[in-house]
């Protein structure tokens, strides 16, 4: 995933898949998430390039690229007799 002069990618460089950022102009490499055990999967960047959403374990997470804060999404669904309403 590319945003301006930065490339975002998943790597298991430290033993667990996490999101990393590579800055083209200065060759700086920085780890953005620090999950242990189950690594991240299916990262996708938002249209405005401000957020990456990904799966980790059985949860969805969002990484705010402006603040560097990663947080678990709280998803709730209503069901009636086994059907989502």
PDB file of N, CA and C in Angstrom:
ATOM      1  N   UNK A   1       0.850  -1.152   0.000  1.00  0.00           N
ATOM      2  CA  UNK A   1       0.000   0.000   0.000  1.00  0.00           C
ATOM      3  C   UNK A   1       0.904   1.225   0.000  1.00  0.00           C
ATOM      4  N   UNK A   2       0.626   2.160  -0.891  1.00  0.00           N
ATOM      5  CA  UNK A   2       1.473   3.341  -1.038  1.00  0.00           C
ATOM      6  C   UNK A   2       0.678   4.594  -0.713  1.00  0.00           C
ATOM      7  N   UNK A   3       1.308   5.500   0.026  1.00  0.00           N
ATOM      8  CA  UNK A   3       0.719   6.798   0.339  1.00  0.00           C
ATOM      9  C   UNK A   3       1.832   7.833   0.291  1.00  0.00           C
ATOM     10  N   UNK A   4       1.844   8.637  -0.754  1.00  0.00           N
ATOM     11  CA  UNK A   4       2.890   9.645  -0.897  1.00  0.00           C
ATOM     12  C   UNK A   4       4.263   9.008  -0.963  1.00  0.00           C
ATOM     13  N   UNK A   5       5.145   9.364  -0.035  1.00  0.00           N
ATOM     14  CA  UNK A   5       6.513   8.833  -0.023  1.00  0.00           C
ATOM     15  C   UNK A   5       6.655   7.630   0.892  1.00  0.00           C
ATOM     16  N   UNK A   6       5.529   7.054   1.322  1.00  0.00           N
ATOM     17  CA  UNK A   6       5.581   5.921   2.257  1.00  0.00           C
ATOM     18  C   UNK A   6       4.945   4.672   1.664  1.00  0.00           C
ATOM     19  N   UNK A   7       5.535   3.549   1.990  1.00  0.00           N
ATOM     20  CA  UNK A   7       5.010   2.240   1.600  1.00  0.00           C
ATOM     21  C   UNK A   7       4.683   1.495   2.883  1.00  0.00           C
ATOM     22  N   UNK A   8       3.461   0.980   2.973  1.00  0.00           N
ATOM     23  CA  UNK A   8       3.008   0.215   4.134  1.00  0.00           C
ATOM     24  C   UNK A   8       2.879  -1.247   3.729  1.00  0.00           C
ATOM     25  N   UNK A   9       3.371  -2.143   4.581  1.00  0.00           N
ATOM     26  CA  UNK A   9       3.339  -3.563   4.235  1.00  0.00           C
ATOM     27  C   UNK A   9       3.325  -4.423   5.492  1.00  0.00           C
ATOM     28  N   UNK A  10       2.910  -5.668   5.327  1.00  0.00           N
ATOM     29  CA  UNK A  10       2.920  -6.637   6.421  1.00  0.00           C
ATOM     30  C   UNK A  10       4.186  -7.469   6.305  1.00  0.00           C
ATOM     31  N   UNK A  11       4.859  -7.668   7.424  1.00  0.00           N
ATOM     32  CA  UNK A  11       6.074  -8.467   7.441  1.00  0.00           C
ATOM     33  C   UNK A  11       6.172  -9.207   8.771  1.00  0.00           C
ATOM     34  N   UNK A  12       6.754 -10.381   8.735  1.00  0.00           N
ATOM     35  CA  UNK A  12       7.016 -11.133   9.970  1.00  0.00           C
ATOM     36  C   UNK A  12       8.496 -11.049  10.329  1.00  0.00           C
ATOM     37  N   UNK A  13       9.079  -9.896  10.042  1.00  0.00           N
ATOM     38  CA  UNK A  13      10.494  -9.623  10.309  1.00  0.00           C
ATOM     39  C   UNK A  13      10.882  -9.951  11.756  1.00  0.00           C
ATOM     40  N   UNK A  14       9.960  -9.732  12.692  1.00  0.00           N
ATOM     41  CA  UNK A  14      10.239  -9.993  14.103  1.00  0.00           C
ATOM     42  C   UNK A  14       9.605 -11.294  14.606  1.00  0.00           C
ATOM     43  N   UNK A  15       9.082 -12.120  13.686  1.00  0.00           N
ATOM     44  CA  UNK A  15       8.493 -13.397  14.068  1.00  0.00           C
ATOM     45  C   UNK A  15       6.969 -13.428  14.016  1.00  0.00           C
ATOM     46  N   UNK A  16       6.324 -12.263  14.010  1.00  0.00           N
ATOM     47  CA  UNK A  16       4.868 -12.151  13.920  1.00  0.00           C
ATOM     48  C   UNK A  16       4.540 -11.100  12.880  1.00  0.00           C
ATOM     49  N   UNK A  17       3.561 -11.384  12.023  1.00  0.00           N
ATOM     50  CA  UNK A  17       3.175 -10.398  11.012  1.00  0.00           C
ATOM     51  C   UNK A  17       2.622  -9.143  11.677  1.00  0.00           C
ATOM     52  N   UNK A  18       3.228  -8.014  11.372  1.00  0.00           N
ATOM     53  CA  UNK A  18       2.799  -6.700  11.830  1.00  0.00           C
ATOM     54  C   UNK A  18       2.879  -5.741  10.650  1.00  0.00           C
ATOM     55  N   UNK A  19       2.373  -4.522  10.834  1.00  0.00           N
ATOM     56  CA  UNK A  19       2.416  -3.510   9.778  1.00  0.00           C
ATOM     57  C   UNK A  19       3.674  -2.676   9.953  1.00  0.00           C
ATOM     58  N   UNK A  20       4.359  -2.476   8.839  1.00  0.00           N
ATOM     59  CA  UNK A  20       5.586  -1.692   8.797  1.00  0.00           C
ATOM     60  C   UNK A  20       5.417  -0.548   7.811  1.00  0.00           C
ATOM     61  N   UNK A  21       6.216   0.489   8.022  1.00  0.00           N
ATOM     62  CA  UNK A  21       6.218   1.661   7.144  1.00  0.00           C
ATOM     63  C   UNK A  21       7.636   1.877   6.633  1.00  0.00           C
ATOM     64  N   UNK A  22       7.759   2.063   5.325  1.00  0.00           N
ATOM     65  CA  UNK A  22       9.050   2.370   4.711  1.00  0.00           C
ATOM     66  C   UNK A  22       8.942   3.738   4.040  1.00  0.00           C
ATOM     67  N   UNK A  23       9.825   4.657   4.419  1.00  0.00           N
ATOM     68  CA  UNK A  23       9.849   5.990   3.818  1.00  0.00           C
ATOM     69  C   UNK A  23      10.894   6.010   2.717  1.00  0.00           C
ATOM     70  N   UNK A  24      10.444   6.313   1.504  1.00  0.00           N
ATOM     71  CA  UNK A  24      11.283   6.221   0.319  1.00  0.00           C
ATOM     72  C   UNK A  24      12.471   7.184   0.359  1.00  0.00           C
ATOM     73  N   UNK A  25      12.243   8.434   0.758  1.00  0.00           N
ATOM     74  CA  UNK A  25      13.287   9.456   0.657  1.00  0.00           C
ATOM     75  C   UNK A  25      14.475   9.247   1.576  1.00  0.00           C
ATOM     76  N   UNK A  26      14.262   8.672   2.754  1.00  0.00           N
ATOM     77  CA  UNK A  26      15.381   8.495   3.685  1.00  0.00           C
ATOM     78  C   UNK A  26      15.637   7.031   4.049  1.00  0.00           C
ATOM     79  N   UNK A  27      14.957   6.115   3.365  1.00  0.00           N
ATOM     80  CA  UNK A  27      15.122   4.671   3.598  1.00  0.00           C
ATOM     81  C   UNK A  27      14.842   4.265   5.041  1.00  0.00           C
ATOM     82  N   UNK A  28      13.970   5.002   5.723  1.00  0.00           N
ATOM     83  CA  UNK A  28      13.634   4.688   7.107  1.00  0.00           C
ATOM     84  C   UNK A  28      12.585   3.585   7.153  1.00  0.00           C
ATOM     85  N   UNK A  29      12.812   2.589   8.004  1.00  0.00           N
ATOM     86  CA  UNK A  29      11.896   1.475   8.205  1.00  0.00           C
ATOM     87  C   UNK A  29      11.404   1.535   9.646  1.00  0.00           C
ATOM     88  N   UNK A  30      10.072   1.492   9.822  1.00  0.00           N
ATOM     89  CA  UNK A  30       9.501   1.614  11.157  1.00  0.00           C
ATOM     90  C   UNK A  30       8.353   0.636  11.336  1.00  0.00           C
ATOM     91  N   UNK A  31       8.338  -0.061  12.462  1.00  0.00           N
ATOM     92  CA  UNK A  31       7.259  -0.982  12.806  1.00  0.00           C
ATOM     93  C   UNK A  31       6.112  -0.184  13.418  1.00  0.00           C
ATOM     94  N   UNK A  32       4.885  -0.342  12.868  1.00  0.00           N
ATOM     95  CA  UNK A  32       3.747   0.447  13.325  1.00  0.00           C
ATOM     96  C   UNK A  32       2.831  -0.291  14.287  1.00  0.00           C
ATOM     97  N   UNK A  33       2.772  -1.618  14.213  1.00  0.00           N
ATOM     98  CA  UNK A  33       1.967  -2.405  15.150  1.00  0.00           C
ATOM     99  C   UNK A  33       2.877  -3.384  15.876  1.00  0.00           C
ATOM    100  N   UNK A  34       2.426  -3.856  17.027  1.00  0.00           N
ATOM    101  CA  UNK A  34       3.252  -4.760  17.847  1.00  0.00           C
ATOM    102  C   UNK A  34       2.448  -5.937  18.361  1.00  0.00           C
ATOM    103  N   UNK A  35       1.715  -6.595  17.470  1.00  0.00           N
ATOM    104  CA  UNK A  35       0.935  -7.760  17.883  1.00  0.00           C
ATOM    105  C   UNK A  35       1.856  -8.945  18.135  1.00  0.00           C
ATOM    106  N   UNK A  36       1.478  -9.764  19.075  1.00  0.00           N
ATOM    107  CA  UNK A  36       2.202 -10.999  19.400  1.00  0.00           C
ATOM    108  C   UNK A  36       1.306 -12.181  19.075  1.00  0.00           C
ATOM    109  N   UNK A  37       1.879 -13.343  18.844  1.00  0.00           N
ATOM    110  CA  UNK A  37       1.081 -14.541  18.554  1.00  0.00           C
ATOM    111  C   UNK A  37       0.511 -14.486  17.158  1.00  0.00           C
ATOM    112  N   UNK A  38      -0.816 -14.332  17.067  1.00  0.00           N
ATOM    113  CA  UNK A  38      -1.450 -14.227  15.752  1.00  0.00           C
ATOM    114  C   UNK A  38      -1.050 -12.905  15.106  1.00  0.00           C
ATOM    115  N   UNK A  39      -0.530 -13.003  13.905  1.00  0.00           N
ATOM    116  CA  UNK A  39      -0.141 -11.803  13.180  1.00  0.00           C
ATOM    117  C   UNK A  39      -1.319 -11.163  12.477  1.00  0.00           C
ATOM    118  N   UNK A  40      -1.049 -10.039  11.854  1.00  0.00           N
ATOM    119  CA  UNK A  40      -2.103  -9.331  11.134  1.00  0.00           C
ATOM    120  C   UNK A  40      -2.323  -9.989   9.773  1.00  0.00           C
ATOM    121  N   UNK A  41      -3.538  -9.815   9.255  1.00  0.00           N
ATOM    122  CA  UNK A  41      -3.874 -10.329   7.926  1.00  0.00           C
ATOM    123  C   UNK A  41      -4.754  -9.319   7.217  1.00  0.00           C
ATOM    124  N   UNK A  42      -4.740  -9.367   5.914  1.00  0.00           N
ATOM    125  CA  UNK A  42      -5.626  -8.600   5.031  1.00  0.00           C
ATOM    126  C   UNK A  42      -5.616  -7.087   5.278  1.00  0.00           C
ATOM    127  N   UNK A  43      -4.449  -6.451   5.379  1.00  0.00           N
ATOM    128  CA  UNK A  43      -4.444  -5.001   5.569  1.00  0.00           C
ATOM    129  C   UNK A  43      -4.971  -4.277   4.334  1.00  0.00           C
ATOM    130  N   UNK A  44      -5.700  -3.192   4.564  1.00  0.00           N
ATOM    131  CA  UNK A  44      -6.252  -2.392   3.471  1.00  0.00           C
ATOM    132  C   UNK A  44      -6.252  -0.927   3.896  1.00  0.00           C
ATOM    133  N   UNK A  45      -5.762  -0.053   3.006  1.00  0.00           N
ATOM    134  CA  UNK A  45      -5.675   1.370   3.332  1.00  0.00           C
ATOM    135  C   UNK A  45      -6.932   2.088   2.848  1.00  0.00           C
ATOM    136  N   UNK A  46      -7.363   3.090   3.605  1.00  0.00           N
ATOM    137  CA  UNK A  46      -8.568   3.852   3.246  1.00  0.00           C
ATOM    138  C   UNK A  46      -8.290   4.732   2.024  1.00  0.00           C
ATOM    139  N   UNK A  47      -9.349   5.179   1.374  1.00  0.00           N
ATOM    140  CA  UNK A  47      -9.229   6.010   0.171  1.00  0.00           C
ATOM    141  C   UNK A  47      -8.475   7.304   0.448  1.00  0.00           C
ATOM    142  N   UNK A  48      -8.635   7.865   1.654  1.00  0.00           N
ATOM    143  CA  UNK A  48      -7.938   9.117   1.975  1.00  0.00           C
ATOM    144  C   UNK A  48      -6.536   8.879   2.559  1.00  0.00           C
ATOM    145  N   UNK A  49      -6.118   7.604   2.600  1.00  0.00           N
ATOM    146  CA  UNK A  49      -4.777   7.203   3.053  1.00  0.00           C
ATOM    147  C   UNK A  49      -4.493   7.540   4.515  1.00  0.00           C
ATOM    148  N   UNK A  50      -5.533   7.662   5.329  1.00  0.00           N
ATOM    149  CA  UNK A  50      -5.331   8.026   6.735  1.00  0.00           C
ATOM    150  C   UNK A  50      -5.423   6.837   7.691  1.00  0.00           C
ATOM    151  N   UNK A  51      -5.976   5.716   7.215  1.00  0.00           N
ATOM    152  CA  UNK A  51      -6.243   4.574   8.089  1.00  0.00           C
ATOM    153  C   UNK A  51      -5.962   3.266   7.365  1.00  0.00           C
ATOM    154  N   UNK A  52      -5.410   2.321   8.096  1.00  0.00           N
ATOM    155  CA  UNK A  52      -5.286   0.946   7.602  1.00  0.00           C
ATOM    156  C   UNK A  52      -6.151   0.077   8.499  1.00  0.00           C
ATOM    157  N   UNK A  53      -7.024  -0.711   7.889  1.00  0.00           N
ATOM    158  CA  UNK A  53      -7.853  -1.670   8.630  1.00  0.00           C
ATOM    159  C   UNK A  53      -7.299  -3.053   8.332  1.00  0.00           C
ATOM    160  N   UNK A  54      -7.255  -3.907   9.347  1.00  0.00           N
ATOM    161  CA  UNK A  54      -6.696  -5.243   9.177  1.00  0.00           C
ATOM    162  C   UNK A  54      -7.342  -6.204  10.169  1.00  0.00           C
ATOM    163  N   UNK A  55      -7.132  -7.493   9.917  1.00  0.00           N
ATOM    164  CA  UNK A  55      -7.615  -8.534  10.822  1.00  0.00           C
ATOM    165  C   UNK A  55      -6.452  -9.025  11.669  1.00  0.00           C
ATOM    166  N   UNK A  56      -6.724  -9.266  12.934  1.00  0.00           N
ATOM    167  CA  UNK A  56      -5.741  -9.879  13.823  1.00  0.00           C
ATOM    168  C   UNK A  56      -6.517 -10.776  14.764  1.00  0.00           C
ATOM    169  N   UNK A  57      -6.149 -12.051  14.799  1.00  0.00           N
ATOM    170  CA  UNK A  57      -6.946 -13.011  15.553  1.00  0.00           C
ATOM    171  C   UNK A  57      -8.299 -13.121  14.883  1.00  0.00           C
ATOM    172  N   UNK A  58      -9.353 -12.943  15.628  1.00  0.00           N
ATOM    173  CA  UNK A  58     -10.707 -12.956  15.062  1.00  0.00           C
ATOM    174  C   UNK A  58     -11.344 -11.578  15.170  1.00  0.00           C
ATOM    175  N   UNK A  59     -10.512 -10.539  15.188  1.00  0.00           N
ATOM    176  CA  UNK A  59     -11.005  -9.172  15.352  1.00  0.00           C
ATOM    177  C   UNK A  59     -10.512  -8.285  14.219  1.00  0.00           C
ATOM    178  N   UNK A  60     -11.248  -7.191  14.007  1.00  0.00           N
ATOM    179  CA  UNK A  60     -10.814  -6.159  13.074  1.00  0.00           C
ATOM    180  C   UNK A  60     -10.197  -5.023  13.864  1.00  0.00           C
ATOM    181  N   UNK A  61      -9.120  -4.463  13.320  1.00  0.00           N
ATOM    182  CA  UNK A  61      -8.400  -3.365  13.949  1.00  0.00           C
ATOM    183  C   UNK A  61      -8.261  -2.231  12.947  1.00  0.00           C
ATOM    184  N   UNK A  62      -8.103  -1.006  13.463  1.00  0.00           N
ATOM    185  CA  UNK A  62      -7.797   0.123  12.591  1.00  0.00           C
ATOM    186  C   UNK A  62      -6.552   0.814  13.126  1.00  0.00           C
ATOM    187  N   UNK A  63      -5.691   1.190  12.201  1.00  0.00           N
ATOM    188  CA  UNK A  63      -4.461   1.891  12.525  1.00  0.00           C
ATOM    189  C   UNK A  63      -4.568   3.295  11.947  1.00  0.00           C
ATOM    190  N   UNK A  64      -4.593   4.296  12.817  1.00  0.00           N
ATOM    191  CA  UNK A  64      -4.642   5.685  12.386  1.00  0.00           C
ATOM    192  C   UNK A  64      -3.218   6.084  12.001  1.00  0.00           C
ATOM    193  N   UNK A  65      -2.988   6.372  10.729  1.00  0.00           N
ATOM    194  CA  UNK A  65      -1.638   6.674  10.262  1.00  0.00           C
ATOM    195  C   UNK A  65      -1.168   8.058  10.689  1.00  0.00           C
ATOM    196  N   UNK A  66      -2.067   8.928  11.070  1.00  0.00           N
ATOM    197  CA  UNK A  66      -1.671  10.267  11.541  1.00  0.00           C
ATOM    198  C   UNK A  66      -1.171  10.224  12.987  1.00  0.00           C
ATOM    199  N   UNK A  67      -1.835   9.411  13.825  1.00  0.00           N
ATOM    200  CA  UNK A  67      -1.468   9.349  15.245  1.00  0.00           C
ATOM    201  C   UNK A  67      -0.593   8.136  15.569  1.00  0.00           C
ATOM    202  N   UNK A  68      -0.642   7.100  14.716  1.00  0.00           N
ATOM    203  CA  UNK A  68       0.093   5.872  14.981  1.00  0.00           C
ATOM    204  C   UNK A  68      -0.616   4.951  15.962  1.00  0.00           C
ATOM    205  N   UNK A  69      -1.853   5.293  16.321  1.00  0.00           N
ATOM    206  CA  UNK A  69      -2.597   4.491  17.303  1.00  0.00           C
ATOM    207  C   UNK A  69      -3.421   3.420  16.599  1.00  0.00           C
ATOM    208  N   UNK A  70      -3.271   2.190  17.087  1.00  0.00           N
ATOM    209  CA  UNK A  70      -4.019   1.052  16.569  1.00  0.00           C
ATOM    210  C   UNK A  70      -5.059   0.662  17.610  1.00  0.00           C
ATOM    211  N   UNK A  71      -6.311   0.482  17.170  1.00  0.00           N
ATOM    212  CA  UNK A  71      -7.366   0.127  18.120  1.00  0.00           C
ATOM    213  C   UNK A  71      -8.294  -0.923  17.528  1.00  0.00           C
ATOM    214  N   UNK A  72      -8.794  -1.758  18.419  1.00  0.00           N
ATOM    215  CA  UNK A  72      -9.712  -2.832  18.045  1.00  0.00           C
ATOM    216  C   UNK A  72     -11.086  -2.249  17.763  1.00  0.00           C
ATOM    217  N   UNK A  73     -11.716  -2.671  16.668  1.00  0.00           N
ATOM    218  CA  UNK A  73     -13.049  -2.205  16.321  1.00  0.00           C
ATOM    219  C   UNK A  73     -14.089  -2.994  17.104  1.00  0.00           C
ATOM    220  N   UNK A  74     -15.081  -2.303  17.628  1.00  0.00           N
ATOM    221  CA  UNK A  74     -16.182  -2.938  18.347  1.00  0.00           C
ATOM    222  C   UNK A  74     -17.349  -3.076  17.376  1.00  0.00           C
ATOM    223  N   UNK A  75     -17.600  -4.288  16.925  1.00  0.00           N
ATOM    224  CA  UNK A  75     -18.666  -4.544  15.952  1.00  0.00           C
ATOM    225  C   UNK A  75     -19.754  -5.348  16.640  1.00  0.00           C
ATOM    226  N   UNK A  76     -20.956  -4.811  16.608  1.00  0.00           N
ATOM    227  CA  UNK A  76     -22.093  -5.498  17.215  1.00  0.00           C
ATOM    228  C   UNK A  76     -23.174  -5.687  16.171  1.00  0.00           C
ATOM    229  N   UNK A  77     -23.804  -6.859  16.197  1.00  0.00           N
ATOM    230  CA  UNK A  77     -24.899  -7.149  15.272  1.00  0.00           C
ATOM    231  C   UNK A  77     -26.095  -7.637  16.062  1.00  0.00           C
ATOM    232  N   UNK A  78     -27.255  -7.214  15.632  1.00  0.00           N
ATOM    233  CA  UNK A  78     -28.507  -7.702  16.223  1.00  0.00           C
ATOM    234  C   UNK A  78     -28.954  -8.931  15.452  1.00  0.00           C
ATOM    235  N   UNK A  79     -29.372  -9.948  16.168  1.00  0.00           N
ATOM    236  CA  UNK A  79     -29.871 -11.150  15.508  1.00  0.00           C
ATOM    237  C   UNK A  79     -31.247 -11.508  16.032  1.00  0.00           C
ATOM    238  N   UNK A  80     -32.035 -12.088  15.148  1.00  0.00           N
ATOM    239  CA  UNK A  80     -33.355 -12.586  15.503  1.00  0.00           C
ATOM    240  C   UNK A  80     -33.423 -14.002  14.936  1.00  0.00           C
ATOM    241  N   UNK A  81     -33.566 -14.972  15.819  1.00  0.00           N
ATOM    242  CA  UNK A  81     -33.658 -16.378  15.420  1.00  0.00           C
ATOM    243  C   UNK A  81     -32.543 -16.766  14.443  1.00  0.00           C
ATOM    244  N   UNK A  82     -31.309 -16.315  14.739  1.00  0.00           N
ATOM    245  CA  UNK A  82     -30.163 -16.702  13.917  1.00  0.00           C
ATOM    246  C   UNK A  82     -29.955 -15.860  12.680  1.00  0.00           C
ATOM    247  N   UNK A  83     -30.776 -14.857  12.435  1.00  0.00           N
ATOM    248  CA  UNK A  83     -30.628 -13.986  11.272  1.00  0.00           C
ATOM    249  C   UNK A  83     -30.141 -12.619  11.713  1.00  0.00           C
ATOM    250  N   UNK A  84     -29.280 -12.037  10.914  1.00  0.00           N
ATOM    251  CA  UNK A  84     -28.817 -10.682  11.196  1.00  0.00           C
ATOM    252  C   UNK A  84     -29.883  -9.700  10.735  1.00  0.00           C
ATOM    253  N   UNK A  85     -30.223  -8.758  11.607  1.00  0.00           N
ATOM    254  CA  UNK A  85     -31.276  -7.787  11.247  1.00  0.00           C
ATOM    255  C   UNK A  85     -30.685  -6.433  10.927  1.00  0.00           C
TER     256      UNK A  85
END
